[in-house]
C-alpha atoms as a PDB file:
ATOM      1  CA  MET A   1     -53.480 -57.290  10.196  1.00  0.00           C
ATOM      2  CA  SER A   2     -51.054 -56.479   6.657  1.00  0.00           C
ATOM      3  CA  LYS A   3     -52.307 -53.422   4.706  1.00  0.00           C
ATOM      4  CA  ASP A   4     -51.122 -55.189   1.522  1.00  0.00           C
ATOM      5  CA  ILE A   5     -53.969 -57.368   1.081  1.00  0.00           C
ATOM      6  CA  PHE A   6     -55.645 -54.384   0.639  1.00  0.00           C
ATOM      7  CA  ALA A   7     -53.686 -52.276  -1.838  1.00  0.00           C
ATOM      8  CA  GLU A   8     -55.571 -52.835  -4.819  1.00  0.00           C
ATOM      9  CA  ASP A   9     -59.091 -52.102  -3.285  1.00  0.00           C
ATOM     10  CA  ASP A  10     -57.187 -49.334  -1.394  1.00  0.00           C
ATOM     11  CA  GLY A  11     -55.682 -47.885  -4.299  1.00  0.00           C
ATOM     12  CA  ARG A  12     -58.929 -48.112  -6.571  1.00  0.00           C
ATOM     13  CA  GLU A  13     -61.270 -46.446  -3.510  1.00  0.00           C
ATOM     14  CA  MET A  14     -58.443 -43.462  -3.009  1.00  0.00           C
ATOM     15  CA  ALA A  15     -58.390 -42.896  -7.041  1.00  0.00           C
ATOM     16  CA  LYS A  16     -62.144 -42.224  -7.027  1.00  0.00           C
ATOM     17  CA  VAL A  17     -62.226 -40.145  -3.723  1.00  0.00           C
ATOM     18  CA  LEU A  18     -59.577 -37.762  -5.629  1.00  0.00           C
ATOM     19  CA  ARG A  19     -60.968 -37.573  -8.834  1.00  0.00           C
ATOM     20  CA  GLU A  20     -64.872 -37.288  -7.773  1.00  0.00           C
ATOM     21  CA  THR A  21     -64.860 -34.743  -4.482  1.00  0.00           C
ATOM     22  CA  LYS A  22     -64.952 -31.525  -4.751  1.00  0.00           C
ATOM     23  CA  CYS A  23     -62.647 -30.504  -1.685  1.00  0.00           C
ATOM     24  CA  MET A  24     -59.906 -32.288  -3.378  1.00  0.00           C
ATOM     25  CA  ALA A  25     -59.642 -29.340  -5.848  1.00  0.00           C
ATOM     26  CA  ARG A  26     -59.219 -27.003  -2.741  1.00  0.00           C
ATOM     27  CA  TYR A  27     -57.222 -28.729  -1.099  1.00  0.00           C
ATOM     28  CA  ASP A  28     -53.867 -31.293  -2.004  1.00  0.00           C
ATOM     29  CA  ARG A  29     -55.102 -33.732   1.115  1.00  0.00           C
ATOM     30  CA  ILE A  30     -57.287 -35.066   3.156  1.00  0.00           C
ATOM     31  CA  SER A  31     -56.651 -36.052   6.918  1.00  0.00           C
ATOM     32  CA  HIS A  32     -57.994 -35.158  10.273  1.00  0.00           C
ATOM     33  CA  ASP A  33     -55.787 -32.464  10.905  1.00  0.00           C
ATOM     34  CA  LEU A  34     -57.032 -30.516   8.109  1.00  0.00           C
ATOM     35  CA  LEU A  35     -60.823 -31.354   8.553  1.00  0.00           C
ATOM     36  CA  SER A  36     -60.338 -30.255  12.004  1.00  0.00           C
ATOM     37  CA  GLU A  37     -59.060 -26.979  10.827  1.00  0.00           C
ATOM     38  CA  ILE A  38     -61.829 -26.620   8.179  1.00  0.00           C
ATOM     39  CA  LEU A  39     -64.661 -27.346  10.661  1.00  0.00           C
ATOM     40  CA  VAL A  40     -63.106 -24.952  13.679  1.00  0.00           C
ATOM     41  CA  ALA A  41     -63.292 -22.254  10.615  1.00  0.00           C
ATOM     42  CA  ALA A  42     -66.744 -22.679   9.665  1.00  0.00           C
ATOM     43  CA  ALA A  43     -67.600 -23.163  13.450  1.00  0.00           C
ATOM     44  CA  LEU A  44     -65.884 -19.467  14.247  1.00  0.00           C
ATOM     45  CA  ASP A  45     -66.820 -17.854  11.282  1.00  0.00           C
ATOM     46  CA  GLY A  46     -63.210 -17.850   9.913  1.00  0.00           C
ATOM     47  CA  VAL A  47     -60.935 -19.075   7.455  1.00  0.00           C
ATOM     48  CA  VAL A  48     -58.318 -21.743   7.044  1.00  0.00           C
ATOM     49  CA  GLU A  49     -54.966 -20.295   6.809  1.00  0.00           C
ATOM     50  CA  GLY A  50     -53.540 -23.020   5.128  1.00  0.00           C
ATOM     51  CA  GLY A  51     -49.443 -23.366   4.445  1.00  0.00           C
ATOM     52  CA  ASN A  52     -47.249 -24.154   7.571  1.00  0.00           C
ATOM     53  CA  ARG A  53     -47.907 -20.841   9.312  1.00  0.00           C
ATOM     54  CA  ARG A  54     -46.371 -21.530  12.989  1.00  0.00           C
ATOM     55  CA  GLY A  55     -48.908 -21.193  15.655  1.00  0.00           C
ATOM     56  CA  SER A  56     -51.890 -20.553  13.709  1.00  0.00           C
ATOM     57  CA  ASP A  57     -54.096 -22.659  11.522  1.00  0.00           C
ATOM     58  CA  VAL A  58     -57.277 -20.486  11.503  1.00  0.00           C
ATOM     59  CA  ARG A  59     -58.057 -16.541  11.704  1.00  0.00           C
ATOM     60  CA  SER A  60     -61.248 -15.691  13.073  1.00  0.00           C
ATOM     61  CA  PRO A  61     -62.854 -12.151  13.203  1.00  0.00           C
ATOM     62  CA  ARG A  62     -64.318 -12.427  16.381  1.00  0.00           C
ATOM     63  CA  PHE A  63     -61.107 -15.054  18.017  1.00  0.00           C
ATOM     64  CA  GLY A  64     -57.863 -14.088  15.942  1.00  0.00           C
ATOM     65  CA  ARG A  65     -55.297 -16.582  15.059  1.00  0.00           C
ATOM     66  CA  VAL A  66     -56.363 -19.877  16.261  1.00  0.00           C
ATOM     67  CA  GLU A  67     -54.272 -23.042  16.489  1.00  0.00           C
ATOM     68  CA  VAL A  68     -55.819 -26.055  15.676  1.00  0.00           C
ATOM     69  CA  LYS A  69     -54.777 -29.457  17.463  1.00  0.00           C
ATOM     70  CA  SER A  70     -56.493 -32.803  16.122  1.00  0.00           C
ATOM     71  CA  ARG A  71     -56.300 -36.285  17.739  1.00  0.00           C
ATOM     72  CA  ILE A  72     -57.913 -39.416  17.280  1.00  0.00           C
ATOM     73  CA  LEU A  73     -58.968 -41.164  20.580  1.00  0.00           C
ATOM     74  CA  GLY A  74     -56.863 -44.255  21.537  1.00  0.00           C
ATOM     75  CA  THR A  75     -53.807 -43.088  20.029  1.00  0.00           C
ATOM     76  CA  ASP A  76     -51.844 -41.691  22.877  1.00  0.00           C
ATOM     77  CA  GLY A  77     -52.151 -44.387  25.128  1.00  0.00           C
ATOM     78  CA  PRO A  78     -54.816 -44.500  28.346  1.00  0.00           C
ATOM     79  CA  LEU A  79     -55.222 -40.256  28.829  1.00  0.00           C
ATOM     80  CA  PRO A  80     -56.285 -38.731  26.112  1.00  0.00           C
ATOM     81  CA  ARG A  81     -53.813 -35.638  25.966  1.00  0.00           C
ATOM     82  CA  VAL A  82     -53.397 -32.364  24.046  1.00  0.00           C
ATOM     83  CA  SER A  83     -49.664 -32.199  22.792  1.00  0.00           C
ATOM     84  CA  LEU A  84     -48.218 -28.703  22.932  1.00  0.00           C
ATOM     85  CA  LYS A  85     -44.466 -27.430  21.943  1.00  0.00           C
ATOM     86  CA  PRO A  86     -43.706 -23.664  21.842  1.00  0.00           C
ATOM     87  CA  SER A  87     -43.903 -22.871  18.345  1.00  0.00           C
ATOM     88  CA  ASN A  88     -47.542 -23.555  19.093  1.00  0.00           C
ATOM     89  CA  LEU A  89     -47.648 -20.827  21.561  1.00  0.00           C
ATOM     90  CA  GLU A  90     -45.697 -18.079  19.790  1.00  0.00           C
ATOM     91  CA  LYS A  91     -48.780 -16.637  17.439  1.00  0.00           C
ATOM     92  CA  ALA A  92     -52.149 -18.190  18.572  1.00  0.00           C
ATOM     93  CA  ASP A  93     -54.699 -16.250  20.269  1.00  0.00           C
ATOM     94  CA  CYS A  94     -57.109 -19.087  21.429  1.00  0.00           C
ATOM     95  CA  PHE A  95     -56.387 -22.841  20.524  1.00  0.00           C
ATOM     96  CA  VAL A  96     -58.555 -25.762  19.954  1.00  0.00           C
ATOM     97  CA  ALA A  97     -58.613 -28.920  20.858  1.00  0.00           C
ATOM     98  CA  VAL A  98     -60.381 -31.526  18.604  1.00  0.00           C
ATOM     99  CA  ARG A  99     -61.104 -35.330  19.284  1.00  0.00           C
ATOM    100  CA  TRP A 100     -62.016 -37.959  16.733  1.00  0.00           C
ATOM    101  CA  ALA A 101     -63.004 -41.690  17.030  1.00  0.00           C
ATOM    102  CA  ARG A 102     -60.940 -44.133  15.477  1.00  0.00           C
ATOM    103  CA  ASN A 103     -63.643 -44.463  12.971  1.00  0.00           C
ATOM    104  CA  PHE A 104     -63.358 -40.934  11.906  1.00  0.00           C
ATOM    105  CA  THR A 105     -66.452 -40.380  13.861  1.00  0.00           C
ATOM    106  CA  PHE A 106     -66.225 -36.730  15.310  1.00  0.00           C
ATOM    107  CA  TYR A 107     -66.302 -36.633  19.102  1.00  0.00           C
ATOM    108  CA  ASP A 108     -65.545 -32.982  20.291  1.00  0.00           C
ATOM    109  CA  ALA A 109     -64.090 -29.869  20.490  1.00  0.00           C
ATOM    110  CA  VAL A 110     -62.903 -27.278  22.838  1.00  0.00           C
ATOM    111  CA  MET A 111     -61.574 -24.006  22.449  1.00  0.00           C
ATOM    112  CA  LEU A 112     -59.530 -22.311  25.068  1.00  0.00           C
ATOM    113  CA  PRO A 113     -58.150 -18.397  25.281  1.00  0.00           C
ATOM    114  CA  LYS A 114     -54.098 -18.416  25.050  1.00  0.00           C
ATOM    115  CA  ASN A 115     -53.715 -17.020  28.879  1.00  0.00           C
ATOM    116  CA  VAL A 116     -55.239 -20.326  30.075  1.00  0.00           C
ATOM    117  CA  VAL A 117     -53.382 -22.468  27.515  1.00  0.00           C
ATOM    118  CA  LEU A 118     -49.734 -20.581  28.943  1.00  0.00           C
ATOM    119  CA  VAL A 119     -51.025 -22.011  32.275  1.00  0.00           C
ATOM    120  CA  LEU A 120     -51.836 -25.830  31.400  1.00  0.00           C
ATOM    121  CA  TYR A 121     -48.632 -25.487  29.117  1.00  0.00           C
ATOM    122  CA  GLU A 122     -46.140 -24.370  31.839  1.00  0.00           C
ATOM    123  CA  ASN A 123     -47.361 -27.124  34.334  1.00  0.00           C
ATOM    124  CA  ARG A 124     -46.920 -29.674  32.178  1.00  0.00           C
ATOM    125  CA  ALA A 125     -44.018 -28.489  30.148  1.00  0.00           C
ATOM    126  CA  GLN A 126     -41.309 -30.901  29.767  1.00  0.00           C
ATOM    127  CA  THR A 127     -37.461 -30.497  29.634  1.00  0.00           C
ATOM    128  CA  SER A 128     -37.832 -30.953  25.756  1.00  0.00           C
ATOM    129  CA  GLY A 129     -40.115 -28.245  25.589  1.00  0.00           C
ATOM    130  CA  MET A 130     -43.240 -30.367  24.956  1.00  0.00           C
ATOM    131  CA  ALA A 131     -46.233 -30.417  27.139  1.00  0.00           C
ATOM    132  CA  HIS A 132     -48.529 -33.275  27.220  1.00  0.00           C
ATOM    133  CA  ILE A 133     -52.176 -31.462  28.555  1.00  0.00           C
ATOM    134  CA  ARG A 134     -54.825 -34.119  29.927  1.00  0.00           C
ATOM    135  CA  TRP A 135     -57.715 -33.877  28.310  1.00  0.00           C
ATOM    136  CA  ASP A 136     -59.874 -33.965  30.977  1.00  0.00           C
ATOM    137  CA  ASP A 137     -57.653 -30.734  32.142  1.00  0.00           C
ATOM    138  CA  TRP A 138     -58.127 -28.786  28.735  1.00  0.00           C
ATOM    139  CA  CYS A 139     -62.023 -29.529  28.899  1.00  0.00           C
ATOM    140  CA  SER A 140     -62.558 -28.328  32.331  1.00  0.00           C
ATOM    141  CA  ALA A 141     -60.346 -25.339  32.307  1.00  0.00           C
ATOM    142  CA  GLU A 142     -61.791 -21.852  32.921  1.00  0.00           C
ATOM    143  CA  GLY A 143     -62.889 -20.258  30.125  1.00  0.00           C
ATOM    144  CA  ALA A 144     -63.523 -23.741  27.894  1.00  0.00           C
ATOM    145  CA  VAL A 145     -66.078 -23.288  25.421  1.00  0.00           C
ATOM    146  CA  SER A 146     -67.216 -26.415  23.307  1.00  0.00           C
ATOM    147  CA  LEU A 147     -67.933 -26.008  19.647  1.00  0.00           C
ATOM    148  CA  LYS A 148     -69.337 -29.956  19.549  1.00  0.00           C
ATOM    149  CA  VAL A 149     -73.033 -28.655  19.033  1.00  0.00           C
ATOM    150  CA  LYS A 150     -71.739 -26.193  16.273  1.00  0.00           C
ATOM    151  CA  ILE A 151     -70.085 -28.633  14.759  1.00  0.00           C
ATOM    152  CA  MET A 152     -72.115 -31.598  14.784  1.00  0.00           C
ATOM    153  CA  GLU A 153     -74.664 -29.315  13.233  1.00  0.00           C
ATOM    154  CA  ILE A 154     -72.230 -28.336  10.279  1.00  0.00           C
ATOM    155  CA  LEU A 155     -71.824 -32.402  10.023  1.00  0.00           C
ATOM    156  CA  GLN A 156     -75.548 -33.586  10.051  1.00  0.00           C
ATOM    157  CA  THR A 157     -75.919 -30.901   7.113  1.00  0.00           C
ATOM    158  CA  SER A 158     -73.541 -32.596   4.807  1.00  0.00           C
END
């Protein structure tokens, strides 16, 4: 399907969103990546650090610096994964992988401490430095904490 046939409708709808939503006064874009950071910050009683802070998206009083990785299910082939590069590992104390369905319905969010992520990363690191960690391995790793219930509660009150 060609998107150009929807250009006028999409343009009107996007302009309305930009004009009428309160969040656009606070953020310069809307994306599942930013939404994931905002929801993780809310779930961890933290704040979105903003900007291009390599290795840290959220700061939480309890969990420190948190790197948030967001992905839409089905965009990474038949095996959902969490992709990390060395710069993602630099400063973070914890990591949260967030998953969205293709229709942007929240699916899950799972947090791991850095020491566990480092082992998963080392086991899957490629020569390029990139590591693709299977979603199932991420969720079943020692110390995995699901943020799903808390984030679902946040989304239900909106």
